[in-house]
Amino acid sequence: MEINVIMGYFDKLNDENAMFIEFKDGGQLLVDNEDIIRANGDLIEIKSGIGCYITETKNVTGLKIFNRVDLIKKAILDKILEEKGDE
């Protein structure tokens, strides 16, 4: 993915939303406007409260912006479903 597209999505983040960055290996990283994203050539560095992640931009396959309230609701629902599955 082009670095200018990634940075454009990051620039759209505010206090009300967050973004999932999806990678070729199937992994995802949740970032918000408090995180720091830096680009250097084909490398992208993402620093957040939980650590630092560095990858090549070609490994980024998708970007999705979500409302924070919706993300919290989904996390709570997933946890409830997980707990019910353990019964």
C-alpha atoms as a PDB file:
ATOM      1  CA  MET A   1       0.000   0.000   0.000  1.00  0.00           C
ATOM      2  CA  GLU A   2       1.211   3.519  -0.738  1.00  0.00           C
ATOM      3  CA  ILE A   3       2.571   5.452   2.239  1.00  0.00           C
ATOM      4  CA  ASN A   4       0.560   8.560   1.344  1.00  0.00           C
ATOM      5  CA  VAL A   5      -2.675   6.518   1.597  1.00  0.00           C
ATOM      6  CA  ILE A   6      -1.688   5.160   5.026  1.00  0.00           C
ATOM      7  CA  MET A   7      -0.747   8.625   6.287  1.00  0.00           C
ATOM      8  CA  GLY A   8      -3.947  10.099   4.825  1.00  0.00           C
ATOM      9  CA  TYR A   9      -6.076   7.632   6.797  1.00  0.00           C
ATOM     10  CA  PHE A  10      -4.063   8.320   9.954  1.00  0.00           C
ATOM     11  CA  ASP A  11      -4.589  12.070   9.504  1.00  0.00           C
ATOM     12  CA  LYS A  12      -8.380  11.490   9.520  1.00  0.00           C
ATOM     13  CA  LEU A  13      -8.318  10.015  13.040  1.00  0.00           C
ATOM     14  CA  ASN A  14      -9.710  12.013  15.939  1.00  0.00           C
ATOM     15  CA  ASP A  15     -10.930  11.399  19.502  1.00  0.00           C
ATOM     16  CA  GLU A  16     -14.073   9.656  18.240  1.00  0.00           C
ATOM     17  CA  ASN A  17     -12.505   6.981  16.045  1.00  0.00           C
ATOM     18  CA  ALA A  18      -9.659   4.528  15.641  1.00  0.00           C
ATOM     19  CA  MET A  19      -8.218   2.538  12.753  1.00  0.00           C
ATOM     20  CA  PHE A  20      -7.318  -1.086  12.142  1.00  0.00           C
ATOM     21  CA  ILE A  21      -4.266  -1.619   9.965  1.00  0.00           C
ATOM     22  CA  GLU A  22      -4.435  -5.065   8.330  1.00  0.00           C
ATOM     23  CA  PHE A  23      -1.306  -6.961   7.275  1.00  0.00           C
ATOM     24  CA  LYS A  24      -0.520  -9.670   4.707  1.00  0.00           C
ATOM     25  CA  ASP A  25      -0.003 -12.252   7.458  1.00  0.00           C
ATOM     26  CA  GLY A  26      -3.609 -11.735   8.613  1.00  0.00           C
ATOM     27  CA  GLY A  27      -2.662  -9.680  11.646  1.00  0.00           C
ATOM     28  CA  GLN A  28      -4.226  -6.393  12.641  1.00  0.00           C
ATOM     29  CA  LEU A  29      -3.029  -3.423  14.630  1.00  0.00           C
ATOM     30  CA  LEU A  30      -5.384  -0.910  16.244  1.00  0.00           C
ATOM     31  CA  VAL A  31      -4.145   2.685  16.182  1.00  0.00           C
ATOM     32  CA  ASP A  32      -5.678   5.970  17.217  1.00  0.00           C
ATOM     33  CA  ASN A  33      -4.794   9.645  17.030  1.00  0.00           C
ATOM     34  CA  GLU A  34      -2.585   9.319  20.142  1.00  0.00           C
ATOM     35  CA  ASP A  35      -0.235   6.913  18.337  1.00  0.00           C
ATOM     36  CA  ILE A  36       2.713   8.033  16.230  1.00  0.00           C
ATOM     37  CA  ILE A  37       3.189   6.852  12.658  1.00  0.00           C
ATOM     38  CA  ARG A  38       6.450   7.623  10.868  1.00  0.00           C
ATOM     39  CA  ALA A  39       7.506   6.731   7.363  1.00  0.00           C
ATOM     40  CA  ASN A  40      11.007   6.319   5.977  1.00  0.00           C
ATOM     41  CA  GLY A  41      11.086   5.135   2.385  1.00  0.00           C
ATOM     42  CA  ASP A  42       9.178   1.844   2.305  1.00  0.00           C
ATOM     43  CA  LEU A  43       9.287   1.385   6.079  1.00  0.00           C
ATOM     44  CA  ILE A  44       6.515   2.417   8.428  1.00  0.00           C
ATOM     45  CA  GLU A  45       6.954   2.691  12.202  1.00  0.00           C
ATOM     46  CA  ILE A  46       3.957   2.739  14.518  1.00  0.00           C
ATOM     47  CA  LYS A  47       4.492   3.684  18.169  1.00  0.00           C
ATOM     48  CA  SER A  48       1.684   3.246  20.645  1.00  0.00           C
ATOM     49  CA  GLY A  49       1.225   2.803  24.369  1.00  0.00           C
ATOM     50  CA  ILE A  50       1.722  -0.965  23.995  1.00  0.00           C
ATOM     51  CA  GLY A  51       4.918  -0.867  21.953  1.00  0.00           C
ATOM     52  CA  CYS A  52       6.537  -0.219  18.613  1.00  0.00           C
ATOM     53  CA  TYR A  53       5.791  -1.978  15.320  1.00  0.00           C
ATOM     54  CA  ILE A  54       7.937  -1.625  12.180  1.00  0.00           C
ATOM     55  CA  THR A  55       7.066  -3.112   8.796  1.00  0.00           C
ATOM     56  CA  GLU A  56       7.309  -2.415   5.089  1.00  0.00           C
ATOM     57  CA  THR A  57       4.396  -0.594   3.506  1.00  0.00           C
ATOM     58  CA  LYS A  58       3.960  -3.489   1.038  1.00  0.00           C
ATOM     59  CA  ASN A  59       2.866  -5.646   4.020  1.00  0.00           C
ATOM     60  CA  VAL A  60      -0.129  -3.357   4.708  1.00  0.00           C
ATOM     61  CA  THR A  61      -3.193  -4.728   2.919  1.00  0.00           C
ATOM     62  CA  GLY A  62      -6.047  -2.720   4.409  1.00  0.00           C
ATOM     63  CA  LEU A  63      -7.115   0.223   6.521  1.00  0.00           C
ATOM     64  CA  LYS A  64     -10.451   0.515   8.298  1.00  0.00           C
ATOM     65  CA  ILE A  65     -11.631   3.438  10.413  1.00  0.00           C
ATOM     66  CA  PHE A  66     -14.199   2.671  13.115  1.00  0.00           C
ATOM     67  CA  ASN A  67     -16.103   4.691  15.678  1.00  0.00           C
ATOM     68  CA  ARG A  68     -14.611   4.042  19.153  1.00  0.00           C
ATOM     69  CA  VAL A  69     -18.023   3.355  20.699  1.00  0.00           C
ATOM     70  CA  ASP A  70     -18.691   0.653  18.080  1.00  0.00           C
ATOM     71  CA  LEU A  71     -15.269  -0.909  18.777  1.00  0.00           C
ATOM     72  CA  ILE A  72     -15.950  -1.019  22.518  1.00  0.00           C
ATOM     73  CA  LYS A  73     -19.386  -2.579  21.959  1.00  0.00           C
ATOM     74  CA  LYS A  74     -17.859  -5.202  19.664  1.00  0.00           C
ATOM     75  CA  ALA A  75     -15.126  -6.027  22.188  1.00  0.00           C
ATOM     76  CA  ILE A  76     -17.687  -6.438  24.971  1.00  0.00           C
ATOM     77  CA  LEU A  77     -19.920  -8.612  22.769  1.00  0.00           C
ATOM     78  CA  ASP A  78     -16.949 -10.769  21.710  1.00  0.00           C
ATOM     79  CA  LYS A  79     -15.982 -11.244  25.365  1.00  0.00           C
ATOM     80  CA  ILE A  80     -19.534 -12.251  26.336  1.00  0.00           C
ATOM     81  CA  LEU A  81     -19.712 -14.738  23.457  1.00  0.00           C
ATOM     82  CA  GLU A  82     -16.308 -16.143  24.426  1.00  0.00           C
ATOM     83  CA  GLU A  83     -17.399 -16.603  28.043  1.00  0.00           C
ATOM     84  CA  LYS A  84     -20.642 -18.284  26.988  1.00  0.00           C
ATOM     85  CA  GLY A  85     -18.638 -20.659  24.823  1.00  0.00           C
ATOM     86  CA  ASP A  86     -16.635 -21.758  27.865  1.00  0.00           C
ATOM     87  CA  GLU A  87     -19.784 -22.861  29.725  1.00  0.00           C
END
